[in-house]
């Protein structure tokens, strides 16, 4: 017996997917690529009772009763005796097509953690999650050419445990909308990216360990000054009601985080997401994402250390205490959103996880880096998958640069499906190295109209 009491449709989908190795998944995906109604109709007719059970389960929150479970177990016995898996492959696609989009009966609030929808993830090595596509055209994404179940699935995706390792994914769900502003034949998104300042000083400790040199970052030497600057910049940005506000890495403090939350709670009606400046303390580097009303959506610890080269040419590894968890946010407008912290975006294993294994649609990266060319090259890879990507560095990173100079440009915006000559737009400074004492951030207007992206304006606000 495969399925037992309290089994759900998600358990059935996961188990069926687990019958296929990755090699078999690709093999049969290629076989079925030219199927038309005649070929698919044969499968629908053969398994009409099986598929009817899946479809009807939507009326019972996708739970299966004893009679359904007994029937499905009998069908599984027959399927497992078949040497050829081609029909089972197509059956899996038809099962998923009869599962409605993740719906209100499953929701538990505006923002909440989301475990795999199937209860047999440990047994099958397959996790089923909602797949909510972003509100832009992804028909020409390279993902649609992949030889995988996910290329044919409509409302859900399957994630293999082996594809996630050595990481663990933690999904969070935002059951609301309002980041994007509707307009005729499209929408607009206002983004603020803040390099903040050029004189933040990291509190560092160099260590000579048995395995090599490391440098630990334990906050800021001038924390009060940085906190005051962060909050001043935030007050101005928040008053303009941006959809997304992004701060750089390492300029955060608990006091700054509390101040940002307090301000957002005063105006819960403002639909703004804030990627707060990461906080370095107790050996960890933590990014906090805040939703409307200052509610914490997630806390993500940096998993990939930076490698810094000192002015005398010595390599030092960022000394981090981290777990393996990668926190992601499911949204109804931007699809699945990832928040890599600086070097994480450049880590090939991390990048493959978020882009290939879990199919993120939007990447927002906060950085504290002496160089930016590698980030530009990595962002370029997202164009084929039709990703929307934001990147911001800080002028204060000049302190860890061998030449003591600010790495330019300070930020990037990468837009998908655009007729513009450059899909990646750079954020250039206007202060000529004279850091203003007040506020400093980039004001960006992204327009999506007639299935094309445009960056209407990029303006650096300094005062």
Protein backbone atom coordinates (compact mmCIF):
# COMPACT_ATOMS: atom_id res chain seq x y z
CA UNK A 1 0.00 0.00 0.00
CA UNK A 2 1.45 3.33 -1.11
CA UNK A 3 -1.14 5.77 0.20
CA UNK A 4 -2.57 5.68 3.72
CA UNK A 5 -5.11 7.54 5.83
CA UNK A 6 -5.05 11.37 5.61
CA UNK A 7 -3.32 11.19 2.26
CA UNK A 8 -3.67 14.23 -0.01
CA UNK A 9 -3.45 14.89 -3.71
CA UNK A 10 -0.04 16.47 -3.08
CA UNK A 11 1.19 13.18 -1.64
CA UNK A 12 0.01 11.41 -4.79
CA UNK A 13 1.79 13.90 -7.05
CA UNK A 14 5.02 13.68 -5.06
CA UNK A 15 5.01 9.89 -5.06
CA UNK A 16 4.40 9.69 -8.79
CA UNK A 17 7.26 12.13 -9.43
CA UNK A 18 9.58 10.10 -7.20
CA UNK A 19 9.14 7.06 -9.45
CA UNK A 20 11.28 8.83 -12.05
CA UNK A 21 15.00 9.42 -11.86
CA UNK A 22 16.25 12.69 -13.31
CA UNK A 23 17.50 10.79 -16.35
CA UNK A 24 14.09 9.20 -16.88
CA UNK A 25 12.36 12.51 -16.36
CA UNK A 26 14.39 14.03 -19.19
CA UNK A 27 13.98 10.95 -21.42
CA UNK A 28 10.20 10.91 -21.27
CA UNK A 29 9.89 14.69 -21.43
CA UNK A 30 11.64 14.54 -24.80
CA UNK A 31 9.35 11.71 -25.93
CA UNK A 32 6.19 13.67 -25.15
CA UNK A 33 7.33 17.06 -26.46
CA UNK A 34 5.36 16.82 -29.74
CA UNK A 35 2.18 15.24 -28.32
CA UNK A 36 -1.14 16.69 -29.45
CA UNK A 37 -4.74 16.22 -28.32
CA UNK A 38 -4.91 12.74 -29.79
CA UNK A 39 -1.94 11.45 -27.79
CA UNK A 40 -2.90 13.21 -24.57
CA UNK A 41 -6.53 12.14 -24.99
CA UNK A 42 -5.47 8.49 -24.88
CA UNK A 43 -3.97 9.02 -21.41
CA UNK A 44 -6.98 10.98 -20.18
CA UNK A 45 -9.32 8.24 -21.34
CA UNK A 46 -7.20 5.44 -19.85
CA UNK A 47 -6.93 7.10 -16.44
CA UNK A 48 -10.23 8.99 -16.38
CA UNK A 49 -11.26 7.59 -12.96
CA UNK A 50 -7.82 8.32 -11.50
CA UNK A 51 -7.97 11.90 -12.76
CA UNK A 52 -11.57 12.36 -11.62
CA UNK A 53 -10.53 11.56 -8.04
CA UNK A 54 -7.80 14.21 -8.24
CA UNK A 55 -10.17 16.80 -9.66
CA UNK A 56 -12.97 16.11 -7.19
CA UNK A 57 -10.61 16.30 -4.20
CA UNK A 58 -10.50 20.08 -4.59
CA UNK A 59 -13.90 20.20 -2.91
CA UNK A 60 -12.40 18.60 0.21
CA UNK A 61 -9.23 20.69 0.55
CA UNK A 62 -7.40 18.07 -1.54
CA UNK A 63 -7.80 15.40 1.12
CA UNK A 64 -8.67 11.90 -0.09
CA UNK A 65 -11.22 9.65 1.58
CA UNK A 66 -10.74 5.92 2.28
CA UNK A 67 -12.53 4.86 -0.88
CA UNK A 68 -10.34 7.08 -3.06
CA UNK A 69 -7.17 5.91 -1.33
CA UNK A 70 -8.12 2.26 -1.86
CA UNK A 71 -8.75 2.85 -5.56
CA UNK A 72 -5.49 4.78 -6.05
CA UNK A 73 -3.49 2.07 -4.28
CA UNK A 74 -4.97 -0.48 -6.68
CA UNK A 75 -4.03 1.67 -9.64
CA UNK A 76 -0.51 2.12 -8.30
CA UNK A 77 -0.04 -1.65 -8.15
CA UNK A 78 -0.87 -1.81 -11.85
CA UNK A 79 1.36 1.14 -12.73
CA UNK A 80 4.35 -0.28 -10.87
CA UNK A 81 4.16 -3.47 -12.93
CA UNK A 82 4.60 -1.52 -16.16
CA UNK A 83 8.14 -1.59 -17.48
CA UNK A 84 7.50 1.37 -19.77
CA UNK A 85 6.95 4.63 -17.86
CA UNK A 86 5.90 6.87 -20.74
CA UNK A 87 2.20 6.82 -19.89
CA UNK A 88 2.90 7.41 -16.21
CA UNK A 89 4.96 10.46 -17.13
CA UNK A 90 2.03 11.98 -18.97
CA UNK A 91 -0.35 10.96 -16.20
CA UNK A 92 1.71 13.04 -13.76
CA UNK A 93 1.30 16.13 -15.94
CA UNK A 94 -2.45 15.55 -16.21
CA UNK A 95 -2.71 15.08 -12.42
CA UNK A 96 -1.04 18.45 -11.81
CA UNK A 97 -3.30 20.14 -14.37
CA UNK A 98 -6.32 19.10 -12.32
CA UNK A 99 -4.99 20.74 -9.17
CA UNK A 100 -6.22 24.30 -8.79
CA UNK A 101 -3.91 27.14 -7.88
CA UNK A 102 -2.91 27.36 -4.21
CA UNK A 103 -6.03 28.85 -2.72
CA UNK A 104 -7.56 30.70 0.21
CA UNK A 105 -8.55 27.64 2.21
CA UNK A 106 -4.89 26.83 2.71
CA UNK A 107 -3.92 30.32 3.89
CA UNK A 108 -3.12 31.04 7.53
CA UNK A 109 -2.60 34.79 7.53
CA UNK A 110 -0.99 37.51 5.46
CA UNK A 111 2.59 36.31 5.90
CA UNK A 112 3.49 32.82 7.10
CA UNK A 113 5.98 29.99 6.73
CA UNK A 114 5.02 27.35 4.20
CA UNK A 115 6.08 23.72 4.59
CA UNK A 116 6.00 21.32 1.60
CA UNK A 117 2.36 20.72 0.70
CA UNK A 118 2.92 16.96 0.63
CA UNK A 119 3.42 15.09 3.89
CA UNK A 120 5.68 12.43 2.33
CA UNK A 121 8.57 14.72 1.38
CA UNK A 122 10.99 12.81 3.63
CA UNK A 123 9.94 9.48 2.17
CA UNK A 124 9.87 10.46 -1.50
CA UNK A 125 12.67 13.02 -1.64
CA UNK A 126 10.20 15.30 -3.44
CA UNK A 127 8.71 18.55 -2.07
CA UNK A 128 5.67 20.14 -3.69
CA UNK A 129 5.27 23.91 -3.46
CA UNK A 130 2.97 26.47 -5.08
CA UNK A 131 4.30 27.91 -8.32
CA UNK A 132 2.93 31.42 -8.68
CA UNK A 133 4.28 33.02 -11.80
CA UNK A 134 5.23 36.71 -11.86
CA UNK A 135 3.08 39.32 -13.54
CA UNK A 136 5.23 39.57 -16.64
CA UNK A 137 5.59 37.53 -19.80
CA UNK A 138 7.77 34.45 -19.25
CA UNK A 139 6.69 32.52 -22.35
CA UNK A 140 10.17 32.83 -23.85
CA UNK A 141 12.02 31.92 -20.66
CA UNK A 142 14.59 29.19 -21.12
CA UNK A 143 12.78 27.30 -18.36
CA UNK A 144 10.03 26.45 -20.81
CA UNK A 145 12.58 24.53 -22.87
CA UNK A 146 13.76 22.38 -19.97
CA UNK A 147 13.07 18.65 -20.10
CA UNK A 148 11.47 18.50 -16.68
CA UNK A 149 8.09 18.08 -15.05
CA UNK A 150 8.20 21.70 -13.91
CA UNK A 151 8.26 22.95 -17.50
CA UNK A 152 4.81 21.40 -17.99
CA UNK A 153 3.33 22.05 -14.55
CA UNK A 154 0.86 24.91 -14.20
CA UNK A 155 0.22 25.75 -10.53
CA UNK A 156 2.83 23.78 -8.58
CA UNK A 157 6.46 22.76 -8.74
CA UNK A 158 8.35 19.75 -7.55
CA UNK A 159 11.73 20.13 -5.88
CA UNK A 160 14.09 17.19 -5.50
CA UNK A 161 15.98 17.00 -2.23
CA UNK A 162 19.14 16.12 -4.13
CA UNK A 163 18.89 19.34 -6.15
CA UNK A 164 18.69 21.45 -2.98
CA UNK A 165 21.66 19.94 -1.17
CA UNK A 166 23.87 21.12 0.47
CA UNK A 167 21.26 23.75 1.35
CA UNK A 168 17.78 23.66 2.85
CA UNK A 169 14.99 25.85 1.55
CA UNK A 170 12.47 27.63 3.75
CA UNK A 171 9.44 29.03 1.97
CA UNK A 172 7.43 32.03 3.18
CA UNK A 173 4.13 33.12 1.67
CA UNK A 174 2.74 36.65 1.31
CA UNK A 175 -1.01 36.42 0.81
CA UNK A 176 -1.62 39.93 -0.48
CA UNK A 177 -0.68 42.34 -3.25
CA UNK A 178 -0.03 46.03 -3.79
CA UNK A 179 3.69 46.34 -4.54
CA UNK A 180 2.86 46.87 -8.20
CA UNK A 181 0.63 49.76 -9.27
CA UNK A 182 -1.81 48.95 -12.10
CA UNK A 183 -1.86 51.12 -15.19
CA UNK A 184 -3.39 50.77 -18.63
CA UNK A 185 -2.04 47.61 -20.31
CA UNK A 186 0.45 46.98 -17.50
CA UNK A 187 1.82 48.16 -14.18
CA UNK A 188 4.58 50.21 -12.57
CA UNK A 189 7.02 49.52 -9.75
CA UNK A 190 8.92 52.17 -7.82
CA UNK A 191 12.18 51.01 -6.26
CA UNK A 192 14.61 52.80 -3.95
CA UNK A 193 18.18 51.51 -3.62
CA UNK A 194 20.28 53.11 -0.87
CA UNK A 195 24.10 53.01 -0.70
CA UNK A 196 23.55 55.11 2.47
CA UNK A 197 27.02 56.57 3.14
CA UNK A 198 30.75 56.28 2.51
CA UNK A 199 32.16 56.32 6.05
CA UNK A 200 30.61 53.36 7.87
CA UNK A 201 33.38 51.51 9.74
CA UNK A 202 33.16 47.76 10.27
CA UNK A 203 34.28 46.30 13.58
CA UNK A 204 36.55 43.47 12.41
CA UNK A 205 38.85 40.90 13.96
CA UNK A 206 41.52 39.13 11.91
CA UNK A 207 42.21 35.51 12.85
CA UNK A 208 45.00 33.13 11.92
CA UNK A 209 43.36 29.70 12.10
CA UNK A 210 44.83 26.29 11.37
CA UNK A 211 42.98 26.23 8.04
CA UNK A 212 43.86 29.76 6.92
CA UNK A 213 43.27 33.44 7.59
CA UNK A 214 39.80 34.73 8.38
CA UNK A 215 38.20 38.02 9.30
CA UNK A 216 35.21 38.24 11.60
CA UNK A 217 32.79 41.16 11.37
CA UNK A 218 31.11 42.04 14.65
CA UNK A 219 29.04 45.08 13.87
CA UNK A 220 30.05 48.70 13.35
CA UNK A 221 32.58 50.89 15.10
CA UNK A 222 30.44 53.97 14.47
CA UNK A 223 27.10 52.23 14.91
CA UNK A 224 25.23 55.23 16.29
CA UNK A 225 26.24 57.40 13.34
CA UNK A 226 25.33 54.73 10.80
CA UNK A 227 21.99 54.02 12.49
CA UNK A 228 21.10 57.71 12.48
CA UNK A 229 21.97 57.92 8.77
CA UNK A 230 20.04 54.76 7.86
CA UNK A 231 16.93 55.99 9.64
CA UNK A 232 17.15 59.43 8.08
CA UNK A 233 17.42 57.93 4.60
CA UNK A 234 14.62 55.49 5.36
CA UNK A 235 12.25 58.21 6.61
CA UNK A 236 12.60 60.03 3.31
CA UNK A 237 12.19 56.91 1.17
CA UNK A 238 9.22 55.59 3.13
CA UNK A 239 7.41 58.91 2.86
CA UNK A 240 7.47 58.50 -0.93
CA UNK A 241 5.76 55.08 -0.74
CA UNK A 242 8.13 52.97 -2.82
CA UNK A 243 7.09 49.39 -3.54
CA UNK A 244 10.56 48.06 -2.66
CA UNK A 245 13.32 49.65 -0.57
CA UNK A 246 16.74 47.98 -0.48
CA UNK A 247 19.63 48.75 1.85
CA UNK A 248 23.17 47.33 1.47
CA UNK A 249 24.90 44.68 3.50
CA UNK A 250 26.56 45.13 6.92
CA UNK A 251 25.21 48.62 7.76
CA UNK A 252 22.45 47.33 10.01
CA UNK A 253 21.93 47.44 13.76
CA UNK A 254 19.08 46.23 15.95
CA UNK A 255 18.33 49.89 16.72
CA UNK A 256 18.00 50.70 13.01
CA UNK A 257 15.77 47.68 12.46
CA UNK A 258 13.54 48.68 15.37
CA UNK A 259 13.31 52.23 14.05
CA UNK A 260 12.30 51.04 10.57
CA UNK A 261 9.65 48.73 12.03
CA UNK A 262 8.29 51.49 14.23
CA UNK A 263 7.91 53.84 11.29
CA UNK A 264 6.20 51.19 9.15
CA UNK A 265 3.75 50.32 11.94
CA UNK A 266 2.59 53.93 11.99
CA UNK A 267 1.41 53.56 8.38
CA UNK A 268 0.34 49.93 7.86
CA UNK A 269 -1.64 50.92 4.78
CA UNK A 270 1.60 51.67 2.87
CA UNK A 271 2.47 48.60 0.79
CA UNK A 272 6.25 48.67 0.93
CA UNK A 273 8.75 45.85 1.26
CA UNK A 274 12.00 46.78 2.98
CA UNK A 275 15.19 44.77 2.69
CA UNK A 276 16.82 46.15 5.82
CA UNK A 277 20.62 46.57 6.06
CA UNK A 278 22.07 43.27 7.21
CA UNK A 279 23.20 42.96 10.81
CA UNK A 280 26.61 41.47 11.63
CA UNK A 281 26.69 40.19 15.20
CA UNK A 282 27.63 37.05 17.14
CA UNK A 283 29.43 35.67 14.11
CA UNK A 284 26.37 35.79 11.83
CA UNK A 285 25.35 38.12 9.01
CA UNK A 286 21.55 38.37 9.01
CA UNK A 287 19.19 39.92 6.48
CA UNK A 288 15.65 40.83 7.55
CA UNK A 289 12.85 41.42 5.04
CA UNK A 290 9.94 43.52 6.29
CA UNK A 291 6.47 43.63 4.75
CA UNK A 292 3.68 46.20 5.07
CA UNK A 293 3.14 47.31 8.63
CA UNK A 294 6.71 46.37 9.55
CA UNK A 295 5.88 42.66 9.77
CA UNK A 296 8.91 40.38 9.50
CA UNK A 297 8.61 38.19 6.42
CA UNK A 298 11.86 36.33 6.95
CA UNK A 299 15.34 36.32 8.48
CA UNK A 300 18.09 34.90 6.32
CA UNK A 301 21.61 34.15 7.53
CA UNK A 302 24.38 34.55 4.98
CA UNK A 303 25.55 31.09 3.87
CA UNK A 304 28.49 31.89 1.55
CA UNK A 305 31.49 33.81 2.91
CA UNK A 306 33.26 36.55 1.02
CA UNK A 307 36.96 36.17 0.24
CA UNK A 308 38.74 39.47 0.78
CA UNK A 309 42.23 40.35 -0.44
CA UNK A 310 44.12 42.64 1.92
CA UNK A 311 46.32 45.48 0.70
CA UNK A 312 49.38 43.30 1.21
CA UNK A 313 47.86 40.56 -0.96
CA UNK A 314 46.72 38.10 1.72
CA UNK A 315 43.44 36.27 1.23
CA UNK A 316 41.02 36.32 4.18
CA UNK A 317 37.78 34.38 4.41
CA UNK A 318 34.76 36.01 6.04
CA UNK A 319 34.33 34.08 9.29
CA UNK A 320 30.65 33.20 9.52
CA UNK A 321 28.44 31.16 11.77
CA UNK A 322 25.68 30.04 9.48
CA UNK A 323 23.12 27.34 8.89
CA UNK A 324 22.23 25.89 5.50
CA UNK A 325 18.82 27.51 5.22
CA UNK A 326 17.91 29.65 2.23
CA UNK A 327 14.78 31.71 2.84
CA UNK A 328 12.48 32.52 -0.10
CA UNK A 329 9.27 34.55 -0.39
CA UNK A 330 6.32 33.49 -2.55
CA UNK A 331 4.37 36.50 -3.84
CA UNK A 332 1.44 37.00 -6.22
CA UNK A 333 3.14 39.79 -8.17
CA UNK A 334 6.89 39.15 -8.29
CA UNK A 335 6.65 35.36 -8.23
CA UNK A 336 9.23 33.65 -6.03
CA UNK A 337 11.74 36.10 -4.56
CA UNK A 338 15.28 35.34 -3.32
CA UNK A 339 17.43 37.69 -1.20
CA UNK A 340 21.10 36.66 -1.59
CA UNK A 341 23.56 38.54 0.58
CA UNK A 342 26.52 39.72 -1.49
CA UNK A 343 28.86 36.72 -2.05
CA UNK A 344 25.92 34.30 -2.03
CA UNK A 345 24.88 35.55 -5.47
CA UNK A 346 28.35 34.68 -6.81
CA UNK A 347 28.40 31.20 -5.28
CA UNK A 348 27.61 28.81 -8.19
CA UNK A 349 25.95 26.27 -5.88
CA UNK A 350 23.73 28.95 -4.33
CA UNK A 351 22.87 30.40 -7.73
CA UNK A 352 21.97 27.01 -9.18
CA UNK A 353 19.74 26.38 -6.18
CA UNK A 354 17.66 29.54 -6.45
CA UNK A 355 17.52 29.78 -10.26
CA UNK A 356 17.44 26.15 -11.40
CA UNK A 357 16.14 24.07 -8.49
CA UNK A 358 13.46 26.36 -7.01
CA UNK A 359 12.81 28.65 -9.99
CA UNK A 360 12.99 32.11 -8.45
CA UNK A 361 11.61 34.95 -10.56
CA UNK A 362 13.01 37.97 -8.70
CA UNK A 363 16.44 38.40 -7.08
CA UNK A 364 17.22 41.27 -4.71
CA UNK A 365 20.86 41.39 -3.61
CA UNK A 366 22.36 43.58 -0.88
CA UNK A 367 26.14 43.94 -1.01
CA UNK A 368 29.24 45.27 0.75
CA UNK A 369 31.88 44.61 -1.89
CA UNK A 370 35.15 46.14 -3.10
CA UNK A 371 34.24 45.16 -6.68
CA UNK A 372 31.08 44.80 -8.75
CA UNK A 373 32.05 43.33 -12.14
CA UNK A 374 31.39 39.74 -11.03
CA UNK A 375 27.90 40.75 -9.90
CA UNK A 376 27.20 42.30 -13.29
CA UNK A 377 28.26 39.09 -15.05
CA UNK A 378 26.10 36.95 -12.77
CA UNK A 379 23.07 39.18 -13.29
CA UNK A 380 23.50 38.71 -17.03
CA UNK A 381 22.77 35.00 -16.59
CA UNK A 382 19.28 35.86 -15.43
CA UNK A 383 18.21 37.34 -18.75
CA UNK A 384 17.55 33.94 -20.36
CA UNK A 385 15.26 32.95 -17.48
CA UNK A 386 13.39 36.30 -17.63
CA UNK A 387 14.36 37.29 -14.08
CA UNK A 388 13.86 40.71 -12.51
CA UNK A 389 16.97 41.58 -10.46
CA UNK A 390 18.06 44.41 -8.16
CA UNK A 391 21.56 44.92 -6.76
CA UNK A 392 22.94 47.63 -4.45
CA UNK A 393 26.40 48.15 -2.99
CA UNK A 394 27.60 50.75 -0.50
CA UNK A 395 30.26 53.43 -0.87
CA UNK A 396 31.54 52.36 2.57
CA UNK A 397 32.93 49.21 0.93
CA UNK A 398 35.91 51.30 -0.16
CA UNK A 399 37.33 50.47 3.29
CA UNK A 400 37.90 46.84 2.22
CA UNK A 401 39.18 47.72 -1.24
CA UNK A 402 42.87 47.33 -1.94
CA UNK A 403 42.95 50.67 -3.75
CA UNK A 404 40.70 52.45 -1.28
CA UNK A 405 38.33 53.46 -4.06
CA UNK A 406 34.56 53.15 -4.34
CA UNK A 407 33.53 50.39 -6.73
CA UNK A 408 31.40 51.75 -9.55
CA UNK A 409 28.66 51.48 -10.56
CA UNK A 410 26.94 51.39 -7.18
CA UNK A 411 24.00 49.27 -8.28
CA UNK A 412 22.22 47.48 -11.10
CA UNK A 413 18.66 46.89 -12.25
CA UNK A 414 18.13 43.98 -14.63
CA UNK A 415 14.78 43.83 -16.41
CA UNK A 416 13.45 40.91 -18.50
CA UNK A 417 11.72 40.96 -21.90
CA UNK A 418 12.77 44.44 -22.96
CA UNK A 419 13.41 46.12 -26.29
CA UNK A 420 15.95 48.43 -24.67
CA UNK A 421 19.55 48.13 -25.76
CA UNK A 422 20.70 47.28 -22.26
CA UNK A 423 18.60 45.00 -20.07
CA UNK A 424 20.98 45.75 -17.17
CA UNK A 425 21.05 49.39 -16.16
CA UNK A 426 23.81 50.75 -13.95
CA UNK A 427 23.39 53.16 -11.04
CA UNK A 428 25.95 55.94 -11.45
CA UNK A 429 26.84 58.36 -8.70
CA UNK A 430 26.19 62.06 -9.06
CA UNK A 431 28.02 63.24 -5.97
CA UNK A 432 31.50 62.79 -7.53
CA UNK A 433 32.77 61.22 -4.34
CA UNK A 434 31.56 64.04 -2.09
CA UNK A 435 29.19 62.11 0.18
CA UNK A 436 26.19 64.24 1.18
CA UNK A 437 25.55 64.52 4.89
CA UNK A 438 21.82 64.01 4.59
CA UNK A 439 20.20 61.43 2.34
CA UNK A 440 21.43 59.43 -0.62
CA UNK A 441 19.54 56.85 -2.65
CA UNK A 442 18.50 55.89 -6.17
CA UNK A 443 14.90 56.46 -7.26
CA UNK A 444 13.93 53.96 -10.00
CA UNK A 445 10.69 53.69 -11.94
CA UNK A 446 10.13 50.37 -13.72
CA UNK A 447 7.26 50.20 -16.21
CA UNK A 448 5.75 47.02 -17.64
CA UNK A 449 3.42 47.83 -20.52
CA UNK A 450 2.24 45.83 -23.53
CA UNK A 451 4.30 42.86 -22.31
CA UNK A 452 7.54 44.84 -22.35
CA UNK A 453 9.69 46.29 -19.56
CA UNK A 454 11.02 49.83 -19.57
CA UNK A 455 13.05 51.74 -17.02
CA UNK A 456 11.41 55.12 -17.16
CA UNK A 457 13.82 56.90 -14.86
CA UNK A 458 16.81 56.48 -12.60
CA UNK A 459 17.53 59.43 -10.41
CA UNK A 460 19.89 59.70 -7.49
CA UNK A 461 18.48 61.78 -4.68
CA UNK A 462 21.08 63.56 -2.58
CA UNK A 463 20.61 66.26 0.01
